[in-house]
């Protein structure tokens, strides 16, 4: 990487953490469902089948929500990275002098 190039932006920081964040946000509710089913079957916290089904459907909805959010943020990161493009640096040579055509024109208006 060129030392004059800009440091990576926020989109790369988000991109690197997107997978583990999605996995954690999707697996934690399923861990809670597993604990709830275990507690109901062991008799610590009795619940009806409908109540346990609600926990399961809520976790499924949470997983779908997290997947859609991760996909949306991931697409946004890709779009930002594509729009930024690779880092470029200009030539180290000084710019060539330029002359304006306005300075070369005569001060008096053209005659007939």
Protein backbone atom coordinates (compact mmCIF):
# COMPACT_ATOMS: atom_id res chain seq x y z
CA UNK A 1 0.00 0.00 0.00
CA UNK A 2 1.26 3.43 -0.85
CA UNK A 3 2.17 5.54 2.17
CA UNK A 4 0.33 8.54 0.69
CA UNK A 5 -2.91 6.60 0.39
CA UNK A 6 -5.76 7.31 2.76
CA UNK A 7 -6.35 4.84 5.60
CA UNK A 8 -9.23 2.38 5.20
CA UNK A 9 -12.62 3.81 5.94
CA UNK A 10 -15.40 2.82 8.28
CA UNK A 11 -16.88 0.46 5.70
CA UNK A 12 -13.89 -1.90 6.00
CA UNK A 13 -14.15 -1.87 9.80
CA UNK A 14 -17.85 -2.75 9.55
CA UNK A 15 -17.22 -5.37 6.85
CA UNK A 16 -14.67 -7.24 9.01
CA UNK A 17 -17.05 -7.39 11.98
CA UNK A 18 -20.25 -8.10 10.05
CA UNK A 19 -19.98 -11.91 9.97
CA UNK A 20 -19.23 -12.50 13.65
CA UNK A 21 -21.83 -9.91 14.68
CA UNK A 22 -24.47 -11.57 12.51
CA UNK A 23 -23.59 -15.03 13.87
CA UNK A 24 -23.76 -13.86 17.47
CA UNK A 25 -27.01 -11.95 16.97
CA UNK A 26 -28.57 -14.95 15.24
CA UNK A 27 -27.36 -17.68 17.59
CA UNK A 28 -28.09 -16.01 20.94
CA UNK A 29 -31.89 -16.24 20.58
CA UNK A 30 -31.60 -19.92 19.62
CA UNK A 31 -29.51 -20.49 22.74
CA UNK A 32 -32.30 -18.90 24.76
CA UNK A 33 -34.85 -21.16 23.05
CA UNK A 34 -32.74 -24.23 23.82
CA UNK A 35 -32.45 -23.17 27.47
CA UNK A 36 -36.20 -22.50 27.63
CA UNK A 37 -37.05 -25.90 26.17
CA UNK A 38 -34.61 -27.56 28.57
CA UNK A 39 -36.09 -25.69 31.55
CA UNK A 40 -39.60 -26.72 30.50
CA UNK A 41 -38.66 -30.37 30.03
CA UNK A 42 -36.73 -30.48 33.34
CA UNK A 43 -39.63 -28.93 35.24
CA UNK A 44 -37.83 -25.77 36.33
CA UNK A 45 -40.08 -23.47 34.32
CA UNK A 46 -43.15 -25.33 33.02
CA UNK A 47 -44.70 -24.06 29.82
CA UNK A 48 -47.32 -25.13 27.32
CA UNK A 49 -46.44 -26.29 23.83
CA UNK A 50 -47.90 -23.06 22.42
CA UNK A 51 -45.69 -20.97 24.68
CA UNK A 52 -42.57 -22.87 23.59
CA UNK A 53 -43.65 -22.53 19.96
CA UNK A 54 -43.90 -18.77 20.43
CA UNK A 55 -40.29 -18.72 21.65
CA UNK A 56 -39.24 -20.73 18.59
CA UNK A 57 -41.10 -18.50 16.11
CA UNK A 58 -39.78 -15.37 17.78
CA UNK A 59 -36.22 -16.64 17.42
CA UNK A 60 -36.85 -17.54 13.78
CA UNK A 61 -38.16 -14.02 13.15
CA UNK A 62 -35.16 -12.53 14.94
CA UNK A 63 -32.81 -14.61 12.77
CA UNK A 64 -34.53 -13.47 9.58
CA UNK A 65 -34.36 -9.84 10.75
CA UNK A 66 -30.65 -10.11 11.57
CA UNK A 67 -29.96 -11.76 8.21
CA UNK A 68 -31.74 -9.02 6.29
CA UNK A 69 -29.97 -6.30 8.28
CA UNK A 70 -26.57 -7.94 7.78
CA UNK A 71 -27.24 -8.30 4.05
CA UNK A 72 -28.31 -4.66 3.78
CA UNK A 73 -25.27 -3.37 5.67
CA UNK A 74 -23.01 -5.70 3.66
CA UNK A 75 -24.38 -4.40 0.35
CA UNK A 76 -23.86 -0.84 1.61
CA UNK A 77 -20.23 -1.63 2.48
CA UNK A 78 -19.64 -3.13 -0.97
CA UNK A 79 -21.20 -0.11 -2.68
CA UNK A 80 -19.01 2.29 -0.69
CA UNK A 81 -15.88 0.26 -1.45
CA UNK A 82 -16.69 0.14 -5.16
CA UNK A 83 -17.46 3.86 -5.29
CA UNK A 84 -14.22 4.74 -3.51
CA UNK A 85 -12.12 2.51 -5.72
CA UNK A 86 -8.47 1.71 -5.16
CA UNK A 87 -6.31 4.46 -3.67
CA UNK A 88 -4.43 6.51 -6.23
CA UNK A 89 -1.73 9.12 -5.80
CA UNK A 90 -0.85 11.88 -8.19
CA UNK A 91 2.49 12.23 -9.95
CA UNK A 92 5.29 13.70 -7.93
CA UNK A 93 6.16 16.11 -10.75
CA UNK A 94 5.01 19.73 -10.48
CA UNK A 95 2.15 20.67 -12.79
CA UNK A 96 3.05 22.26 -16.11
CA UNK A 97 2.34 25.99 -16.36
CA UNK A 98 -0.85 26.79 -18.17
CA UNK A 99 -1.76 29.96 -19.98
CA UNK A 100 -5.29 31.18 -20.09
CA UNK A 101 -6.67 32.16 -23.51
CA UNK A 102 -8.33 35.11 -21.80
CA UNK A 103 -4.93 36.64 -20.99
CA UNK A 104 -3.81 36.36 -24.62
CA UNK A 105 -6.73 38.34 -26.04
CA UNK A 106 -6.32 41.98 -26.91
CA UNK A 107 -7.74 44.57 -24.54
CA UNK A 108 -9.64 46.41 -27.28
CA UNK A 109 -12.69 44.96 -28.95
CA UNK A 110 -12.34 43.71 -32.52
CA UNK A 111 -13.03 46.31 -35.18
CA UNK A 112 -15.26 46.14 -38.24
